Amino acid sequence: MSVNEDKMNALLQQMVGDMGAASVAPLVLLGDRLGLYKALDQHGPMSTEDLANRTGTTERYVREWCSAQAGSGYIDFDEATGRFSLSREQAAVFADADSPTCMIGGYYAISSMFIDEPKITHAFQSGEGVSWGEHNACLFCGTEKFFRPGYKASLVEEWLPALEGVTEKLKSGARVADIGCGHGASTLVMAEAFPKSTFIGFDFHEPSIECSNKLAKDAGLDNVRFEVATAKNFPGNDYDLVAYFDCLHDMGDPVGAMAHTHQALKKDGTLMLVEPFAHDNLKENLNPIGRMFYAFSTMICTPASISQEVGLALGAQAGEKRLGSVARDGGFRQFRRATETPFNLILEGKP
């Protein structure tokens, strides 16, 4: 069968672009860790000499870094002056950690995927799982860095108000459990916004809980604490709200998690599920966002689920229909899509 030259050339062009994106990824980490983006944002336009002096780095390395970044469109280059700079849009993606469009955290998580590739290769061959805690630590900080800006921008102002009566309860004083909280980004955002409510973050990964408690202490918040527990055995009952942020699909027994949540909620309580955006069929998910989530799911989410007791392995593109089935199997009578973003589904369950 002959090769279609047009299709071959198109594929090769795509691969060149993809390889360029992959090869520049570690340079993004360098730019964040060394403060190169922030210096360009605060003091640019700058020559490579000025940028190196400002950041305590070596000009020859900085020159090469700037060239790769400009070639990627991540920073701008002015040929007339020989200086590099960041546009407002570029700064929002690379320099401002609080920007809702900051994407730096994703690169840290991606770096863990390369480091952990041998473990996933073994999992493919053996059928075993790879637990969350077995990954490189870049995954844990990267996940927090990636999700926190979105939570800070949307959780209090958009997502919680989309749930029936929840914001009102939180303002007057509610009891909230945040399951699979990781480094506590979502929990801390809510605790700061609703000082009359009490928040408990639960995660089975002890190092993440230690980090969360430190962050809460540093923030001076006395209405939040973090404890080690799984989604099937977290303590307490009569919660007004139990939330799962981008984690239910990672769990081995999400139905068991939903059943335990159902028992822990008040009769008029609310389940909040925030999950990666996905349609209910594969074809509709074959797009840039779906590609990214399927990649993360292959390397992180599915192996995490398989490592656990049931290993249902929903994956990061489970979709609303499948998630609704899990919630109903766990005892929830009502389940609906409260709102959505290009990256997330925000789902509500009622006992």
Protein backbone atom coordinates (compact mmCIF):
# COMPACT_ATOMS: atom_id res chain seq x y z
CA MET A 1 0.00 0.00 0.00
CA SER A 2 1.55 3.31 -1.08
CA VAL A 3 2.11 6.19 1.32
CA ASN A 4 0.04 9.32 0.83
CA GLU A 5 2.72 12.01 0.68
CA ASP A 6 0.38 14.84 1.69
CA LYS A 7 -0.78 12.93 4.77
CA MET A 8 2.78 11.96 5.60
CA ASN A 9 4.01 15.56 5.37
CA ALA A 10 1.11 16.78 7.49
CA LEU A 11 1.91 14.18 10.15
CA LEU A 12 5.59 15.06 10.11
CA GLN A 13 4.76 18.76 10.51
CA GLN A 14 2.56 17.89 13.47
CA MET A 15 5.33 15.79 15.00
CA VAL A 16 7.86 18.59 14.65
CA GLY A 17 5.47 20.86 16.52
CA ASP A 18 4.81 18.25 19.19
CA MET A 19 8.49 17.48 19.65
CA GLY A 20 9.23 21.18 19.95
CA ALA A 21 6.55 21.55 22.62
CA ALA A 22 7.87 18.53 24.50
CA SER A 23 11.49 19.65 24.33
CA VAL A 24 10.72 23.17 25.56
CA ALA A 25 8.78 21.83 28.58
CA PRO A 26 11.84 21.50 30.88
CA LEU A 27 12.83 25.04 29.87
CA VAL A 28 9.50 26.25 31.24
CA LEU A 29 10.41 24.72 34.59
CA LEU A 30 13.79 26.44 34.44
CA GLY A 31 12.11 29.76 33.72
CA ASP A 32 9.83 29.37 36.72
CA ARG A 33 12.43 28.08 39.18
CA LEU A 34 15.05 30.67 38.24
CA GLY A 35 12.61 33.58 38.17
CA LEU A 36 13.25 34.35 34.49
CA TYR A 37 9.58 34.86 33.61
CA LYS A 38 8.95 37.05 36.65
CA ALA A 39 12.01 39.19 35.92
CA LEU A 40 10.88 39.73 32.33
CA ASP A 41 7.39 40.58 33.55
CA GLN A 42 8.55 43.04 36.20
CA HIS A 43 11.59 44.59 34.50
CA GLY A 44 11.34 43.89 30.77
CA PRO A 45 12.04 44.46 27.98
CA MET A 46 15.52 43.19 28.76
CA SER A 47 18.70 42.10 27.08
CA THR A 48 19.98 38.65 27.95
CA GLU A 49 22.78 40.31 29.91
CA ASP A 50 20.28 42.29 31.99
CA LEU A 51 18.10 39.24 32.54
CA ALA A 52 21.06 37.14 33.66
CA ASN A 53 22.24 39.87 36.05
CA ARG A 54 18.75 40.34 37.45
CA THR A 55 18.28 36.61 38.15
CA GLY A 56 21.82 35.65 39.17
CA THR A 57 22.23 33.34 36.20
CA THR A 58 24.75 32.97 33.35
CA GLU A 59 24.17 35.03 30.21
CA ARG A 60 25.14 32.33 27.72
CA TYR A 61 22.57 29.94 29.12
CA VAL A 62 19.97 32.69 29.36
CA ARG A 63 20.56 33.64 25.71
CA GLU A 64 19.78 30.11 24.56
CA TRP A 65 16.75 29.89 26.86
CA CYS A 66 15.34 33.15 25.53
CA SER A 67 15.80 32.02 21.94
CA ALA A 68 13.89 28.78 22.58
CA GLN A 69 11.13 30.62 24.43
CA ALA A 70 10.75 33.22 21.69
CA GLY A 71 10.69 30.46 19.09
CA SER A 72 7.81 28.91 21.00
CA GLY A 73 5.90 32.20 21.23
CA TYR A 74 6.19 32.11 25.02
CA ILE A 75 8.12 35.41 25.15
CA ASP A 76 8.58 38.19 22.59
CA PHE A 77 11.75 39.33 20.81
CA ASP A 78 12.35 42.82 19.39
CA GLU A 79 14.88 42.54 16.58
CA ALA A 80 15.51 46.28 16.54
CA THR A 81 16.62 46.45 20.18
CA GLY A 82 17.71 42.85 20.73
CA ARG A 83 15.55 42.72 23.87
CA PHE A 84 13.08 40.14 25.14
CA SER A 85 9.78 40.80 26.91
CA LEU A 86 6.50 39.31 28.11
CA SER A 87 3.12 40.46 26.84
CA ARG A 88 0.23 40.71 29.28
CA GLU A 89 -1.14 37.44 27.93
CA GLN A 90 2.19 35.64 28.24
CA ALA A 91 2.63 36.95 31.79
CA ALA A 92 -0.81 35.61 32.75
CA VAL A 93 0.22 32.13 31.59
CA PHE A 94 3.84 31.99 32.80
CA ALA A 95 4.59 34.68 35.40
CA ASP A 96 1.50 35.28 37.55
CA ALA A 97 0.93 32.33 39.88
CA ASP A 98 -2.52 33.66 40.83
CA SER A 99 -3.75 34.12 37.27
CA PRO A 100 -6.63 31.78 36.39
CA THR A 101 -4.79 31.04 33.13
CA CYS A 102 -1.46 30.17 34.78
CA MET A 103 -0.28 26.87 33.29
CA ILE A 104 3.10 26.44 35.01
CA GLY A 105 1.88 23.70 37.34
CA GLY A 106 1.03 21.45 34.43
CA TYR A 107 4.67 21.39 33.39
CA TYR A 108 5.75 20.19 36.84
CA ALA A 109 3.22 17.36 36.63
CA ILE A 110 4.43 16.49 33.13
CA SER A 111 8.01 16.28 34.40
CA SER A 112 6.91 13.59 36.86
CA MET A 113 5.41 11.62 33.98
CA PHE A 114 8.80 11.40 32.27
CA ILE A 115 10.55 10.46 35.50
CA ASP A 116 7.98 7.77 36.32
CA GLU A 117 7.75 6.30 32.81
CA PRO A 118 9.62 3.07 33.77
CA LYS A 119 7.03 2.38 36.47
CA ILE A 120 4.17 2.85 34.03
CA THR A 121 5.90 0.68 31.42
CA HIS A 122 6.06 -2.08 34.04
CA ALA A 123 2.39 -1.52 34.88
CA PHE A 124 1.43 -1.95 31.21
CA GLN A 125 3.23 -5.28 31.15
CA SER A 126 2.17 -6.59 34.55
CA GLY A 127 -1.32 -5.16 34.89
CA GLU A 128 -0.36 -3.74 38.28
CA GLY A 129 -1.15 -0.21 39.37
CA VAL A 130 1.04 2.68 40.44
CA SER A 131 -0.18 4.45 43.57
CA TRP A 132 -0.32 8.23 43.78
CA GLY A 133 2.39 8.23 46.44
CA GLU A 134 4.76 6.23 44.22
CA HIS A 135 5.13 9.12 41.78
CA ASN A 136 7.88 11.69 41.79
CA ALA A 137 7.18 14.62 44.14
CA CYS A 138 6.95 16.99 41.15
CA LEU A 139 3.46 15.58 40.62
CA PHE A 140 2.20 16.70 44.03
CA CYS A 141 3.41 20.30 43.84
CA GLY A 142 2.55 20.47 40.14
CA THR A 143 -1.05 19.39 40.74
CA GLU A 144 -1.48 22.11 43.36
CA LYS A 145 0.14 24.73 41.13
CA PHE A 146 -2.03 23.73 38.18
CA PHE A 147 -5.41 23.64 39.91
CA ARG A 148 -5.08 26.39 42.55
CA PRO A 149 -5.42 29.40 40.17
CA GLY A 150 -8.65 28.00 38.71
CA TYR A 151 -10.06 27.23 42.14
CA LYS A 152 -9.15 30.70 43.37
CA ALA A 153 -10.78 32.35 40.36
CA SER A 154 -13.97 30.29 40.06
CA LEU A 155 -14.75 28.18 43.12
CA VAL A 156 -16.28 30.85 45.38
CA GLU A 157 -17.63 33.18 42.70
CA GLU A 158 -19.06 30.68 40.21
CA TRP A 159 -19.02 27.00 41.18
CA LEU A 160 -20.43 27.07 44.71
CA PRO A 161 -23.23 29.51 43.77
CA ALA A 162 -24.27 27.06 41.03
CA LEU A 163 -25.13 24.52 43.76
CA GLU A 164 -28.57 24.71 45.34
CA GLY A 165 -28.47 26.68 48.62
CA VAL A 166 -24.84 25.88 49.41
CA THR A 167 -23.39 29.41 49.44
CA GLU A 168 -26.03 30.56 51.89
CA LYS A 169 -25.18 27.70 54.26
CA LEU A 170 -21.46 28.45 53.99
CA LYS A 171 -22.00 32.12 54.82
CA SER A 172 -24.00 31.31 57.95
CA GLY A 173 -21.79 28.43 59.09
CA ALA A 174 -21.61 24.97 57.54
CA ARG A 175 -19.64 21.78 58.07
CA VAL A 176 -17.59 20.77 55.02
CA ALA A 177 -15.40 17.81 54.08
CA ASP A 178 -13.01 18.07 51.12
CA ILE A 179 -12.04 14.55 50.02
CA GLY A 180 -8.79 13.82 48.19
CA CYS A 181 -7.66 17.35 49.01
CA GLY A 182 -3.97 16.92 48.11
CA HIS A 183 -2.10 20.06 49.17
CA GLY A 184 -5.39 21.65 50.19
CA ALA A 185 -5.77 24.28 47.48
CA SER A 186 -9.55 23.95 47.23
CA THR A 187 -10.03 23.61 50.99
CA LEU A 188 -8.01 26.72 51.79
CA VAL A 189 -9.82 28.81 49.17
CA MET A 190 -13.17 27.91 50.73
CA ALA A 191 -11.98 28.34 54.31
CA GLU A 192 -10.70 31.83 53.61
CA ALA A 193 -13.94 32.86 51.89
CA PHE A 194 -16.29 31.48 54.56
CA PRO A 195 -14.84 32.08 58.04
CA LYS A 196 -18.03 31.00 59.84
CA SER A 197 -17.84 27.50 58.35
CA THR A 198 -15.62 24.59 59.38
CA PHE A 199 -13.55 22.73 56.80
CA ILE A 200 -11.75 19.40 57.03
CA GLY A 201 -9.56 18.19 54.20
CA PHE A 202 -8.92 14.45 53.90
CA ASP A 203 -6.33 12.64 51.81
CA PHE A 204 -4.70 9.22 52.06
CA HIS A 205 -1.28 10.65 51.13
CA GLU A 206 0.37 11.62 54.43
CA PRO A 207 3.04 13.96 52.97
CA SER A 208 0.29 15.97 51.27
CA ILE A 209 -1.60 16.30 54.56
CA GLU A 210 1.55 17.52 56.29
CA CYS A 211 1.98 20.13 53.58
CA SER A 212 -1.68 21.18 53.80
CA ASN A 213 -1.56 21.73 57.56
CA LYS A 214 1.56 23.86 57.15
CA LEU A 215 -0.11 25.96 54.46
CA ALA A 216 -3.17 26.44 56.68
CA LYS A 217 -0.95 27.55 59.56
CA ASP A 218 0.98 29.93 57.33
CA ALA A 219 -2.31 31.42 56.10
CA GLY A 220 -3.49 31.97 59.69
CA LEU A 221 -6.75 30.10 59.13
CA ASP A 222 -8.28 28.57 62.26
CA ASN A 223 -11.43 27.13 60.66
CA VAL A 224 -9.65 24.42 58.67
CA ARG A 225 -7.62 21.32 59.38
CA PHE A 226 -6.32 18.35 57.42
CA GLU A 227 -6.32 14.66 58.32
CA VAL A 228 -5.15 11.40 56.75
CA ALA A 229 -8.14 9.33 55.63
CA THR A 230 -9.51 7.64 52.52
CA ALA A 231 -12.74 8.45 50.73
CA LYS A 232 -14.32 5.28 52.15
CA ASN A 233 -13.42 5.85 55.80
CA PHE A 234 -13.14 9.58 56.44
CA PRO A 235 -14.63 10.36 59.88
CA GLY A 236 -17.60 12.51 60.79
CA ASN A 237 -21.19 12.89 59.74
CA ASP A 238 -23.87 15.52 59.31
CA TYR A 239 -21.76 17.38 56.74
CA ASP A 240 -23.54 20.12 54.82
CA LEU A 241 -21.17 19.72 51.89
CA VAL A 242 -18.78 16.97 50.83
CA ALA A 243 -16.60 17.91 47.88
CA TYR A 244 -14.31 15.97 45.54
CA PHE A 245 -12.04 18.13 43.40
CA ASP A 246 -10.51 16.36 40.38
CA CYS A 247 -9.95 13.13 42.29
CA LEU A 248 -12.95 10.75 42.19
CA HIS A 249 -11.79 9.21 38.91
CA ASP A 250 -8.44 8.35 40.57
CA MET A 251 -10.09 6.18 43.20
CA GLY A 252 -10.21 2.40 43.12
CA ASP A 253 -13.75 2.17 44.48
CA PRO A 254 -15.57 5.40 43.61
CA VAL A 255 -18.95 3.74 44.25
CA GLY A 256 -17.82 2.88 47.78
CA ALA A 257 -16.63 6.47 48.19
CA MET A 258 -20.04 7.73 47.12
CA ALA A 259 -21.83 5.34 49.49
CA HIS A 260 -19.73 6.54 52.43
CA THR A 261 -20.30 10.16 51.40
CA HIS A 262 -24.04 9.55 51.20
CA GLN A 263 -24.03 8.32 54.80
CA ALA A 264 -21.86 11.22 56.00
CA LEU A 265 -24.07 13.96 54.59
CA LYS A 266 -27.03 15.59 56.28
CA LYS A 267 -30.38 14.74 54.75
CA ASP A 268 -30.35 18.11 52.99
CA GLY A 269 -26.59 18.04 52.34
CA THR A 270 -24.84 18.35 48.99
CA LEU A 271 -22.27 16.33 47.10
CA MET A 272 -19.99 18.43 44.88
CA LEU A 273 -17.95 16.68 42.19
CA VAL A 274 -15.44 18.65 40.15
CA GLU A 275 -14.08 16.45 37.38
CA PRO A 276 -12.11 17.01 34.16
CA PHE A 277 -14.39 18.11 31.36
CA ALA A 278 -15.38 15.23 29.11
CA HIS A 279 -18.17 14.23 26.78
CA ASP A 280 -19.75 10.81 27.15
CA ASN A 281 -18.25 9.28 24.01
CA LEU A 282 -14.68 8.92 22.82
CA LYS A 283 -15.05 10.62 19.44
CA GLU A 284 -16.15 13.94 20.99
CA ASN A 285 -13.15 13.87 23.34
CA LEU A 286 -10.59 13.57 20.55
CA ASN A 287 -9.54 17.22 20.78
CA PRO A 288 -6.63 19.13 22.37
CA ILE A 289 -8.14 19.13 25.89
CA GLY A 290 -9.15 15.49 25.65
CA ARG A 291 -5.69 14.57 24.38
CA MET A 292 -4.09 16.21 27.41
CA PHE A 293 -6.45 14.56 29.89
CA TYR A 294 -6.12 11.11 28.28
CA ALA A 295 -2.33 11.45 28.56
CA PHE A 296 -2.51 12.35 32.25
CA SER A 297 -5.02 9.54 32.72
CA THR A 298 -2.71 6.99 31.10
CA MET A 299 0.29 7.94 33.23
CA ILE A 300 -1.33 8.91 36.54
CA CYS A 301 -5.09 8.47 37.02
CA THR A 302 -5.71 4.97 35.67
CA PRO A 303 -2.61 3.45 37.34
CA ALA A 304 -3.65 5.09 40.64
CA SER A 305 -7.09 3.51 40.49
CA ILE A 306 -5.79 0.08 39.48
CA SER A 307 -3.40 0.14 42.45
CA GLN A 308 -6.38 0.22 44.84
CA GLU A 309 -8.77 -2.38 46.11
CA VAL A 310 -11.38 -2.49 43.33
CA GLY A 311 -9.63 -0.59 40.58
CA LEU A 312 -12.69 0.57 38.64
CA ALA A 313 -10.34 2.85 36.66
CA LEU A 314 -12.82 5.48 35.52
CA GLY A 315 -10.05 7.53 33.94
CA ALA A 316 -9.87 11.29 33.61
CA GLN A 317 -12.39 11.33 30.76
CA ALA A 318 -15.18 9.41 32.44
CA GLY A 319 -17.90 11.90 31.43
CA GLU A 320 -21.07 12.99 33.16
CA LYS A 321 -23.12 9.88 32.36
CA ARG A 322 -20.59 7.48 33.89
CA LEU A 323 -20.01 9.70 36.91
CA GLY A 324 -23.76 10.00 37.44
CA SER A 325 -24.07 6.22 37.40
CA VAL A 326 -21.36 5.94 40.06
CA ALA A 327 -23.11 8.52 42.25
CA ARG A 328 -26.49 6.83 41.92
CA ASP A 329 -24.99 3.43 42.66
CA GLY A 330 -23.64 5.05 45.83
CA GLY A 331 -27.15 6.08 46.89
CA PHE A 332 -27.66 9.58 45.49
CA ARG A 333 -31.19 10.19 44.23
CA GLN A 334 -30.49 13.39 42.34
CA PHE A 335 -27.51 14.19 40.16
CA ARG A 336 -27.03 17.05 37.73
CA ARG A 337 -24.49 19.25 35.96
CA ALA A 338 -24.43 22.51 37.93
CA THR A 339 -22.04 24.35 35.63
CA GLU A 340 -18.95 23.79 33.52
CA THR A 341 -15.73 25.32 32.21
CA PRO A 342 -13.58 24.27 29.25
CA PHE A 343 -11.53 22.20 31.72
CA ASN A 344 -14.05 21.04 34.33
CA LEU A 345 -17.50 19.61 34.95
CA ILE A 346 -19.07 20.82 38.21
CA LEU A 347 -21.62 18.20 39.27
CA GLU A 348 -24.13 18.19 42.14
CA GLY A 349 -25.61 15.23 44.00
CA LYS A 350 -28.39 15.17 46.57
CA PRO A 351 -29.16 12.32 49.00
